[in-house]
Amino acid sequence: MTCSVNPDIVVIPEGYFLMGSEHGQENERPCHKVWVDGFALGKFPVTNGEYNGFVKETQTSAPPFRSEPMFAGDDQPVVGVTWHDATAYCEWLSQRSAKTFRLPSEAEWERAARGGREGALYPWGDEPPSARPYAGYDVKSGGPDRVGANEPNDFGLYDMSEGVHEWCSDFYAYDYYRYSPERNPQGADSGQRRVSRGGSWRHHIKFSRCAARSSLPPGFKYADYGFRVALTLS
């Protein structure tokens, strides 16, 4: 893995895509056309090894699960970070790198997860996880796997459907898709929860659909919550 001030990133081209699903949960409806400006996204979720630099330099408390062997690998995604911790990391990374790092919006995350596969259920297409060549897909593992263990999507991003839930920048609203703007939606104006996306190692089926939405109060620290960084392109 690269050092924390130079994370591996992938440029996601600007464009329209169909966000949501008419066949998923009610909060994924209606499926609607969305434009997202070009941006960049971390190739992997932020790892323990990367987050350690932030903890040491800022004297921030380490995540609560960091000392447990099942969460301690430097190449595992960092977990147990709040939304506020994740945004603080992005601010620190921006200062260190002179670039504008941040959390992705929910729309950016879904655009990136789809990898250009319009309307597909998963980053790899419509094939169910049970048919994929991933050992133990339906077994609860003892902590998240290392990042990049499986194949990337067509944009070259890893772990967009599995591993840990990833914080997004948006406030969560159950009915947001009913009134969200077409261009660069940023989420509800306020709320009690922040959006998260992606699968979870704790779930019986640890892969999530591209359109699947989740959320959590921003101060919570869960053992299956991490994040990846986005980069605003000038």
Protein backbone atom coordinates (compact mmCIF):
# COMPACT_ATOMS: atom_id res chain seq x y z
CA MET A 1 0.00 0.00 0.00
CA THR A 2 1.12 3.56 -0.63
CA CYS A 3 1.78 6.04 2.16
CA SER A 4 -1.09 7.93 3.71
CA VAL A 5 -0.34 11.26 2.00
CA ASN A 6 -0.45 9.59 -1.43
CA PRO A 7 -3.36 7.13 -1.34
CA ASP A 8 -4.07 5.04 -4.42
CA ILE A 9 -6.92 6.76 -6.23
CA VAL A 10 -8.98 6.09 -9.34
CA VAL A 11 -10.42 8.86 -11.51
CA ILE A 12 -14.15 8.41 -12.10
CA PRO A 13 -15.32 10.17 -15.27
CA GLU A 14 -18.19 12.60 -15.29
CA GLY A 15 -21.48 11.34 -16.61
CA TYR A 16 -25.06 10.26 -16.10
CA PHE A 17 -26.10 6.99 -14.50
CA LEU A 18 -29.30 5.44 -13.17
CA MET A 19 -29.28 5.68 -9.38
CA GLY A 20 -31.42 3.47 -7.19
CA SER A 21 -33.52 0.43 -8.00
CA GLU A 22 -37.19 -0.24 -8.65
CA HIS A 23 -36.72 -3.79 -7.35
CA GLY A 24 -34.91 -3.06 -4.08
CA GLN A 25 -36.02 -1.43 -0.84
CA GLU A 26 -38.48 1.45 -0.85
CA ASN A 27 -35.74 3.93 0.07
CA GLU A 28 -33.99 3.07 -3.24
CA ARG A 29 -36.96 4.35 -5.24
CA PRO A 30 -37.58 5.84 -7.66
CA CYS A 31 -34.70 4.82 -9.86
CA HIS A 32 -33.65 8.12 -11.37
CA LYS A 33 -31.14 9.66 -13.75
CA VAL A 34 -28.25 11.45 -12.01
CA TRP A 35 -25.31 13.44 -13.32
CA VAL A 36 -22.05 13.31 -11.34
CA ASP A 37 -19.07 15.52 -12.11
CA GLY A 38 -15.70 13.83 -12.50
CA PHE A 39 -13.92 13.02 -9.24
CA ALA A 40 -11.45 10.52 -7.85
CA LEU A 41 -12.01 7.81 -5.26
CA GLY A 42 -9.72 5.66 -3.18
CA LYS A 43 -8.93 2.39 -4.88
CA PHE A 44 -9.31 0.70 -1.48
CA PRO A 45 -10.96 1.57 1.82
CA VAL A 46 -8.60 3.39 4.20
CA THR A 47 -6.48 0.79 5.99
CA ASN A 48 -5.20 0.52 9.53
CA GLY A 49 -1.71 1.20 8.25
CA GLU A 50 -2.83 4.45 6.63
CA TYR A 51 -4.96 5.55 9.57
CA ASN A 52 -2.11 4.96 12.01
CA GLY A 53 -0.23 7.93 10.54
CA PHE A 54 -3.19 10.18 11.29
CA VAL A 55 -3.50 8.86 14.84
CA LYS A 56 0.19 9.37 15.61
CA GLU A 57 0.50 12.83 14.08
CA THR A 58 -2.71 14.29 15.50
CA GLN A 59 -2.68 12.42 18.82
CA THR A 60 -6.18 11.21 18.05
CA SER A 61 -7.45 8.19 19.96
CA ALA A 62 -7.03 4.94 18.09
CA PRO A 63 -10.25 3.17 17.04
CA PRO A 64 -11.66 1.02 19.86
CA PHE A 65 -11.15 -2.31 18.07
CA ARG A 66 -7.60 -1.64 16.91
CA SER A 67 -5.94 -3.75 19.61
CA GLU A 68 -8.02 -6.85 18.86
CA PRO A 69 -6.16 -9.37 16.66
CA MET A 70 -9.09 -9.80 14.25
CA PHE A 71 -8.93 -6.09 13.40
CA ALA A 72 -5.20 -5.40 13.78
CA GLY A 73 -3.74 -6.08 10.33
CA ASP A 74 -2.16 -3.08 8.64
CA ASP A 75 -3.76 -4.12 5.33
CA GLN A 76 -7.23 -4.53 6.81
CA PRO A 77 -9.73 -1.66 6.50
CA VAL A 78 -9.82 0.56 9.56
CA VAL A 79 -13.08 0.08 11.50
CA GLY A 80 -14.67 1.61 14.56
CA VAL A 81 -14.34 5.15 13.21
CA THR A 82 -17.17 7.65 13.50
CA TRP A 83 -18.30 9.84 10.62
CA HIS A 84 -16.52 12.69 12.40
CA ASP A 85 -13.29 10.64 12.59
CA ALA A 86 -13.51 9.93 8.87
CA THR A 87 -14.01 13.59 7.95
CA ALA A 88 -11.16 14.60 10.28
CA TYR A 89 -8.89 12.13 8.48
CA CYS A 90 -9.86 13.67 5.14
CA GLU A 91 -9.06 17.15 6.45
CA TRP A 92 -5.68 15.97 7.76
CA LEU A 93 -4.91 14.26 4.47
CA SER A 94 -5.83 17.42 2.58
CA GLN A 95 -3.44 19.49 4.69
CA ARG A 96 -0.62 16.98 4.27
CA SER A 97 -1.06 16.59 0.52
CA ALA A 98 -2.28 20.06 -0.56
CA LYS A 99 -5.21 18.33 -2.30
CA THR A 100 -8.91 18.40 -1.47
CA PHE A 101 -9.79 15.05 0.05
CA ARG A 102 -13.24 14.39 1.50
CA LEU A 103 -15.85 11.69 1.87
CA PRO A 104 -17.73 10.78 -1.30
CA SER A 105 -21.35 11.74 -1.71
CA GLU A 106 -23.84 8.91 -1.86
CA ALA A 107 -24.35 9.54 -5.58
CA GLU A 108 -20.60 9.50 -6.24
CA TRP A 109 -20.26 6.26 -4.30
CA GLU A 110 -22.99 4.49 -6.30
CA ARG A 111 -21.66 5.85 -9.59
CA ALA A 112 -18.22 4.47 -8.70
CA ALA A 113 -19.52 1.13 -7.40
CA ARG A 114 -21.39 0.43 -10.63
CA GLY A 115 -18.21 0.76 -12.66
CA GLY A 116 -20.19 1.81 -15.71
CA ARG A 117 -22.48 -1.24 -15.60
CA GLU A 118 -25.81 0.52 -16.03
CA GLY A 119 -28.58 -1.00 -13.95
CA ALA A 120 -26.54 -3.99 -12.74
CA LEU A 121 -27.26 -5.39 -9.29
CA TYR A 122 -23.62 -5.72 -8.23
CA PRO A 123 -20.30 -4.19 -9.27
CA TRP A 124 -19.60 -7.31 -11.35
CA GLY A 125 -23.08 -7.56 -12.92
CA ASP A 126 -26.26 -9.47 -12.04
CA GLU A 127 -24.68 -12.78 -11.08
CA PRO A 128 -25.54 -13.58 -7.43
CA PRO A 129 -22.72 -13.61 -4.87
CA SER A 130 -23.23 -17.33 -4.33
CA ALA A 131 -22.13 -17.95 -7.92
CA ARG A 132 -18.95 -15.90 -7.60
CA PRO A 133 -15.53 -17.52 -6.99
CA TYR A 134 -15.25 -16.13 -3.45
CA ALA A 135 -14.67 -18.70 -0.76
CA GLY A 136 -16.80 -18.22 2.33
CA TYR A 137 -19.09 -15.62 0.79
CA ASP A 138 -21.94 -16.67 3.12
CA VAL A 139 -19.89 -17.28 6.25
CA LYS A 140 -19.30 -14.74 8.99
CA SER A 141 -15.55 -14.23 9.09
CA GLY A 142 -13.45 -13.32 12.09
CA GLY A 143 -13.05 -9.71 11.08
CA PRO A 144 -12.78 -8.02 7.68
CA ASP A 145 -10.51 -9.46 5.01
CA ARG A 146 -7.50 -7.50 3.83
CA VAL A 147 -8.34 -4.87 1.25
CA GLY A 148 -8.11 -5.89 -2.38
CA ALA A 149 -8.58 -9.61 -1.74
CA ASN A 150 -11.04 -10.00 -4.63
CA GLU A 151 -11.25 -8.62 -8.15
CA PRO A 152 -11.85 -4.92 -8.82
CA ASN A 153 -14.85 -3.55 -10.68
CA ASP A 154 -14.58 -2.09 -14.18
CA PHE A 155 -13.36 1.26 -12.83
CA GLY A 156 -10.52 -0.52 -10.99
CA LEU A 157 -12.01 -0.08 -7.50
CA TYR A 158 -11.79 -2.83 -4.90
CA ASP A 159 -14.21 -3.89 -2.16
CA MET A 160 -17.14 -1.76 -3.28
CA SER A 161 -19.63 -4.48 -2.39
CA GLU A 162 -18.00 -6.19 0.57
CA GLY A 163 -15.82 -5.77 3.63
CA VAL A 164 -17.09 -2.79 5.61
CA HIS A 165 -19.84 -0.22 5.39
CA GLU A 166 -18.34 3.05 4.17
CA TRP A 167 -19.33 6.48 5.42
CA CYS A 168 -20.55 8.98 2.82
CA SER A 169 -20.82 12.74 3.24
CA ASP A 170 -24.61 13.03 3.00
CA PHE A 171 -27.27 13.38 5.63
CA TYR A 172 -29.62 10.44 5.22
CA ALA A 173 -33.30 10.81 4.33
CA TYR A 174 -35.44 7.77 3.63
CA ASP A 175 -37.39 9.52 0.86
CA TYR A 176 -34.54 11.62 -0.56
CA TYR A 177 -34.77 10.12 -4.05
CA ARG A 178 -38.26 11.58 -4.44
CA TYR A 179 -36.92 15.13 -4.50
CA SER A 180 -33.14 14.95 -5.06
CA PRO A 181 -31.71 17.12 -7.86
CA GLU A 182 -30.53 15.60 -11.10
CA ARG A 183 -27.01 17.06 -10.98
CA ASN A 184 -24.55 16.24 -8.19
CA PRO A 185 -27.03 15.48 -5.38
CA GLN A 186 -25.55 16.08 -1.94
CA GLY A 187 -28.17 14.50 0.32
CA ALA A 188 -30.75 15.97 2.67
CA ASP A 189 -30.20 19.40 4.19
CA SER A 190 -30.17 17.99 7.73
CA GLY A 191 -30.83 14.82 9.64
CA GLN A 192 -29.92 12.52 12.51
CA ARG A 193 -28.03 9.96 10.45
CA ARG A 194 -25.33 9.91 7.78
CA VAL A 195 -25.42 7.73 4.69
CA SER A 196 -23.24 4.62 4.45
CA ARG A 197 -22.80 2.22 1.56
CA GLY A 198 -21.26 -1.16 0.88
CA GLY A 199 -21.36 -4.61 2.44
CA SER A 200 -20.26 -5.92 5.80
CA TRP A 201 -18.08 -8.79 6.97
CA ARG A 202 -20.52 -9.27 9.89
CA HIS A 203 -23.52 -10.04 7.72
CA HIS A 204 -24.50 -13.55 6.71
CA ILE A 205 -24.22 -12.41 3.09
CA LYS A 206 -21.41 -9.87 3.13
CA PHE A 207 -21.93 -8.50 -0.39
CA SER A 208 -24.33 -5.63 -1.01
CA ARG A 209 -26.09 -4.50 -4.16
CA CYS A 210 -24.90 -1.27 -5.76
CA ALA A 211 -28.20 0.48 -4.98
CA ALA A 212 -28.51 -0.71 -1.37
CA ARG A 213 -28.61 2.18 1.11
CA SER A 214 -27.70 2.19 4.78
CA SER A 215 -27.18 4.82 7.46
CA LEU A 216 -26.01 5.35 11.04
CA PRO A 217 -25.83 8.21 13.55
CA PRO A 218 -22.50 9.94 12.87
CA GLY A 219 -21.10 9.42 16.36
CA PHE A 220 -21.42 5.63 16.39
CA LYS A 221 -18.36 3.37 16.27
CA TYR A 222 -19.15 -0.03 14.77
CA ALA A 223 -16.75 -2.86 14.00
CA ASP A 224 -17.95 -3.03 10.39
CA TYR A 225 -17.85 0.69 9.60
CA GLY A 226 -14.94 2.28 7.74
CA PHE A 227 -14.53 4.67 4.83
CA ARG A 228 -12.63 5.53 1.69
CA VAL A 229 -11.51 8.95 0.54
CA ALA A 230 -12.74 10.96 -2.42
CA LEU A 231 -10.75 13.67 -4.17
CA THR A 232 -12.16 16.78 -5.79
CA LEU A 233 -10.60 17.32 -9.20
CA SER A 234 -9.69 20.88 -10.12
